[in-house]
Amino acid sequence: MSSFFENIPYEDAEQIDRTTKFMYELRESRQRLLEQHGVESEDQIKQSLVEMRVAEHPTYEDYLSASILEKARLTIRQELKSYLKEL
């Protein structure tokens, strides 16, 4: 099996490594927030707020945080995909 980084310049490999680690941290942070509420998505947190099954504070902040983390992860993922195509 060949190494993914085999023909990639060192600086580019470092950038890819840092970016994927950051994406992992974003994903795991979001997952921890979702687990605190026993749900699998931000929409489920939002629904519990709409139905007034949970206190608004800090649930709304958790909903916003999880949403922002996921949007950031998806944006960075797309940027990484474009970066890899350029290599």
N, C-alpha and C. Protein backbone atom coordinates (compact mmCIF):
# COMPACT_ATOMS: atom_id res chain seq x y z
N MET A 1 0.84 -1.17 0.00
CA MET A 1 0.00 0.00 0.00
C MET A 1 0.90 1.24 0.00
N SER A 2 0.60 2.17 -0.90
CA SER A 2 1.42 3.38 -0.95
C SER A 2 0.89 4.42 0.03
N SER A 3 1.76 5.28 0.48
CA SER A 3 1.42 6.33 1.41
C SER A 3 0.68 7.45 0.67
N PHE A 4 -0.35 7.97 1.28
CA PHE A 4 -1.12 9.07 0.70
C PHE A 4 -0.22 10.28 0.44
N PHE A 5 0.71 10.51 1.33
CA PHE A 5 1.57 11.69 1.25
C PHE A 5 2.83 11.47 0.41
N GLU A 6 2.97 10.32 -0.20
CA GLU A 6 4.21 9.94 -0.87
C GLU A 6 4.70 10.97 -1.89
N ASN A 7 3.84 11.47 -2.74
CA ASN A 7 4.27 12.40 -3.79
C ASN A 7 3.81 13.84 -3.54
N ILE A 8 3.50 14.14 -2.30
CA ILE A 8 3.03 15.47 -1.94
C ILE A 8 4.18 16.21 -1.26
N PRO A 9 4.43 17.45 -1.67
CA PRO A 9 5.49 18.23 -1.03
C PRO A 9 5.25 18.34 0.48
N TYR A 10 6.34 18.41 1.23
CA TYR A 10 6.27 18.40 2.69
C TYR A 10 5.35 19.49 3.24
N GLU A 11 5.48 20.70 2.73
CA GLU A 11 4.66 21.81 3.22
C GLU A 11 3.17 21.54 2.99
N ASP A 12 2.84 20.98 1.83
CA ASP A 12 1.45 20.65 1.53
C ASP A 12 0.95 19.53 2.45
N ALA A 13 1.80 18.55 2.69
CA ALA A 13 1.42 17.45 3.57
C ALA A 13 1.16 17.95 4.99
N GLU A 14 1.98 18.89 5.44
CA GLU A 14 1.77 19.48 6.77
C GLU A 14 0.44 20.23 6.82
N GLN A 15 0.13 20.98 5.77
CA GLN A 15 -1.13 21.73 5.72
C GLN A 15 -2.32 20.78 5.72
N ILE A 16 -2.25 19.73 4.97
CA ILE A 16 -3.33 18.73 4.92
C ILE A 16 -3.50 18.11 6.30
N ASP A 17 -2.40 17.77 6.93
CA ASP A 17 -2.44 17.15 8.26
C ASP A 17 -3.09 18.08 9.28
N ARG A 18 -2.69 19.34 9.30
CA ARG A 18 -3.27 20.31 10.24
C ARG A 18 -4.76 20.50 9.98
N THR A 19 -5.11 20.57 8.71
CA THR A 19 -6.52 20.79 8.35
C THR A 19 -7.38 19.61 8.76
N THR A 20 -6.91 18.41 8.51
CA THR A 20 -7.72 17.24 8.86
C THR A 20 -7.83 17.08 10.38
N LYS A 21 -6.79 17.44 11.10
CA LYS A 21 -6.88 17.40 12.57
C LYS A 21 -7.89 18.41 13.08
N PHE A 22 -7.90 19.60 12.48
CA PHE A 22 -8.86 20.62 12.87
C PHE A 22 -10.29 20.17 12.56
N MET A 23 -10.49 19.55 11.41
CA MET A 23 -11.81 19.03 11.07
C MET A 23 -12.26 17.98 12.08
N TYR A 24 -11.33 17.14 12.50
CA TYR A 24 -11.63 16.13 13.51
C TYR A 24 -12.06 16.79 14.83
N GLU A 25 -11.33 17.82 15.24
CA GLU A 25 -11.67 18.52 16.48
C GLU A 25 -13.05 19.17 16.40
N LEU A 26 -13.37 19.75 15.26
CA LEU A 26 -14.69 20.34 15.06
C LEU A 26 -15.78 19.27 15.17
N ARG A 27 -15.56 18.15 14.50
CA ARG A 27 -16.53 17.05 14.52
C ARG A 27 -16.74 16.51 15.93
N GLU A 28 -15.66 16.31 16.64
CA GLU A 28 -15.77 15.75 17.99
C GLU A 28 -16.41 16.73 18.96
N SER A 29 -16.12 18.01 18.82
CA SER A 29 -16.74 19.02 19.68
C SER A 29 -18.24 19.05 19.45
N ARG A 30 -18.65 19.01 18.19
CA ARG A 30 -20.08 18.97 17.86
C ARG A 30 -20.72 17.72 18.44
N GLN A 31 -20.05 16.60 18.29
CA GLN A 31 -20.59 15.34 18.79
C GLN A 31 -20.80 15.38 20.30
N ARG A 32 -19.87 15.96 21.01
CA ARG A 32 -20.03 16.08 22.47
C ARG A 32 -21.25 16.92 22.84
N LEU A 33 -21.47 18.01 22.11
CA LEU A 33 -22.66 18.84 22.36
C LEU A 33 -23.94 18.05 22.10
N LEU A 34 -23.96 17.33 21.00
CA LEU A 34 -25.15 16.54 20.67
C LEU A 34 -25.40 15.45 21.72
N GLU A 35 -24.34 14.80 22.16
CA GLU A 35 -24.47 13.76 23.18
C GLU A 35 -25.01 14.31 24.49
N GLN A 36 -24.64 15.54 24.84
CA GLN A 36 -25.16 16.15 26.06
C GLN A 36 -26.69 16.23 26.04
N HIS A 37 -27.23 16.33 24.84
CA HIS A 37 -28.68 16.45 24.69
C HIS A 37 -29.33 15.14 24.25
N GLY A 38 -28.54 14.11 24.08
CA GLY A 38 -29.06 12.81 23.69
C GLY A 38 -29.68 12.80 22.30
N VAL A 39 -29.09 13.57 21.38
CA VAL A 39 -29.63 13.66 20.03
C VAL A 39 -28.52 13.41 19.01
N GLU A 40 -28.94 13.32 17.74
CA GLU A 40 -27.98 13.08 16.67
C GLU A 40 -27.81 14.26 15.73
N SER A 41 -28.63 15.31 15.91
CA SER A 41 -28.52 16.46 15.02
C SER A 41 -28.95 17.74 15.72
N GLU A 42 -28.53 18.85 15.14
CA GLU A 42 -28.93 20.15 15.66
C GLU A 42 -30.44 20.35 15.56
N ASP A 43 -31.01 19.81 14.49
CA ASP A 43 -32.45 19.94 14.30
C ASP A 43 -33.24 19.34 15.46
N GLN A 44 -32.73 18.27 16.02
CA GLN A 44 -33.41 17.65 17.16
C GLN A 44 -33.33 18.54 18.39
N ILE A 45 -32.21 19.22 18.56
CA ILE A 45 -32.10 20.18 19.68
C ILE A 45 -33.11 21.31 19.45
N LYS A 46 -33.14 21.82 18.23
CA LYS A 46 -34.05 22.91 17.90
C LYS A 46 -35.50 22.49 18.14
N GLN A 47 -35.84 21.28 17.75
CA GLN A 47 -37.21 20.80 17.93
C GLN A 47 -37.58 20.73 19.41
N SER A 48 -36.66 20.30 20.24
CA SER A 48 -36.94 20.23 21.68
C SER A 48 -37.15 21.63 22.26
N LEU A 49 -36.47 22.62 21.69
CA LEU A 49 -36.68 24.01 22.10
C LEU A 49 -38.06 24.51 21.66
N VAL A 50 -38.41 24.23 20.41
CA VAL A 50 -39.71 24.66 19.87
C VAL A 50 -40.86 24.05 20.68
N GLU A 51 -40.69 22.80 21.04
CA GLU A 51 -41.73 22.10 21.80
C GLU A 51 -41.66 22.40 23.29
N MET A 52 -40.70 23.25 23.67
CA MET A 52 -40.51 23.67 25.06
C MET A 52 -40.31 22.48 26.02
N ARG A 53 -39.60 21.47 25.54
CA ARG A 53 -39.30 20.31 26.39
C ARG A 53 -38.03 20.52 27.21
N VAL A 54 -37.27 21.57 26.86
CA VAL A 54 -36.01 21.86 27.54
C VAL A 54 -35.92 23.34 27.84
N ALA A 55 -35.06 23.68 28.78
CA ALA A 55 -34.84 25.09 29.11
C ALA A 55 -34.13 25.78 27.95
N GLU A 56 -34.50 27.02 27.72
CA GLU A 56 -33.91 27.77 26.62
C GLU A 56 -32.41 27.98 26.81
N HIS A 57 -32.03 28.21 28.04
CA HIS A 57 -30.62 28.44 28.35
C HIS A 57 -30.09 27.25 29.14
N PRO A 58 -29.05 26.60 28.76
CA PRO A 58 -28.11 26.89 27.68
C PRO A 58 -28.40 26.12 26.40
N THR A 59 -29.58 25.53 26.28
CA THR A 59 -29.87 24.69 25.12
C THR A 59 -29.74 25.45 23.81
N TYR A 60 -30.25 26.67 23.77
CA TYR A 60 -30.17 27.44 22.52
C TYR A 60 -28.71 27.71 22.15
N GLU A 61 -27.90 28.03 23.13
CA GLU A 61 -26.48 28.27 22.86
C GLU A 61 -25.81 27.00 22.34
N ASP A 62 -26.19 25.86 22.90
CA ASP A 62 -25.64 24.58 22.42
C ASP A 62 -26.08 24.31 20.98
N TYR A 63 -27.34 24.63 20.68
CA TYR A 63 -27.85 24.46 19.32
C TYR A 63 -27.03 25.32 18.35
N LEU A 64 -26.83 26.59 18.70
CA LEU A 64 -26.05 27.47 17.84
C LEU A 64 -24.61 26.99 17.68
N SER A 65 -24.02 26.58 18.78
CA SER A 65 -22.63 26.10 18.74
C SER A 65 -22.49 24.88 17.85
N ALA A 66 -23.37 23.91 18.02
CA ALA A 66 -23.32 22.69 17.21
C ALA A 66 -23.51 23.03 15.73
N SER A 67 -24.43 23.95 15.44
CA SER A 67 -24.66 24.36 14.05
C SER A 67 -23.43 25.02 13.45
N ILE A 68 -22.82 25.91 14.19
CA ILE A 68 -21.63 26.61 13.71
C ILE A 68 -20.47 25.64 13.51
N LEU A 69 -20.29 24.71 14.44
CA LEU A 69 -19.22 23.72 14.30
C LEU A 69 -19.39 22.88 13.04
N GLU A 70 -20.62 22.47 12.77
CA GLU A 70 -20.87 21.63 11.59
C GLU A 70 -20.67 22.44 10.30
N LYS A 71 -21.16 23.67 10.26
CA LYS A 71 -20.97 24.49 9.07
C LYS A 71 -19.49 24.76 8.82
N ALA A 72 -18.75 25.02 9.87
CA ALA A 72 -17.31 25.26 9.74
C ALA A 72 -16.61 24.01 9.22
N ARG A 73 -16.98 22.86 9.76
CA ARG A 73 -16.36 21.60 9.32
C ARG A 73 -16.64 21.34 7.85
N LEU A 74 -17.88 21.55 7.42
CA LEU A 74 -18.23 21.32 6.02
C LEU A 74 -17.54 22.30 5.09
N THR A 75 -17.39 23.54 5.51
CA THR A 75 -16.70 24.54 4.71
C THR A 75 -15.23 24.17 4.55
N ILE A 76 -14.61 23.80 5.65
CA ILE A 76 -13.19 23.43 5.61
C ILE A 76 -13.00 22.16 4.78
N ARG A 77 -13.94 21.24 4.90
CA ARG A 77 -13.86 20.00 4.11
C ARG A 77 -13.89 20.32 2.62
N GLN A 78 -14.77 21.22 2.22
CA GLN A 78 -14.86 21.61 0.81
C GLN A 78 -13.58 22.30 0.36
N GLU A 79 -13.04 23.16 1.21
CA GLU A 79 -11.79 23.84 0.88
C GLU A 79 -10.64 22.84 0.74
N LEU A 80 -10.61 21.85 1.61
CA LEU A 80 -9.57 20.81 1.53
C LEU A 80 -9.72 20.02 0.24
N LYS A 81 -10.95 19.71 -0.11
CA LYS A 81 -11.21 18.97 -1.35
C LYS A 81 -10.68 19.75 -2.55
N SER A 82 -10.94 21.05 -2.59
CA SER A 82 -10.45 21.90 -3.69
C SER A 82 -8.93 21.96 -3.67
N TYR A 83 -8.35 22.07 -2.48
CA TYR A 83 -6.89 22.12 -2.32
C TYR A 83 -6.25 20.85 -2.87
N LEU A 84 -6.85 19.72 -2.56
CA LEU A 84 -6.30 18.44 -3.01
C LEU A 84 -6.40 18.30 -4.53
N LYS A 85 -7.46 18.83 -5.11
CA LYS A 85 -7.59 18.77 -6.57
C LYS A 85 -6.49 19.57 -7.25
N GLU A 86 -6.09 20.67 -6.61
CA GLU A 86 -5.04 21.51 -7.18
C GLU A 86 -3.68 20.83 -7.14
N LEU A 87 -3.50 19.92 -6.21
CA LEU A 87 -2.21 19.22 -6.12
C LEU A 87 -2.14 18.22 -7.22
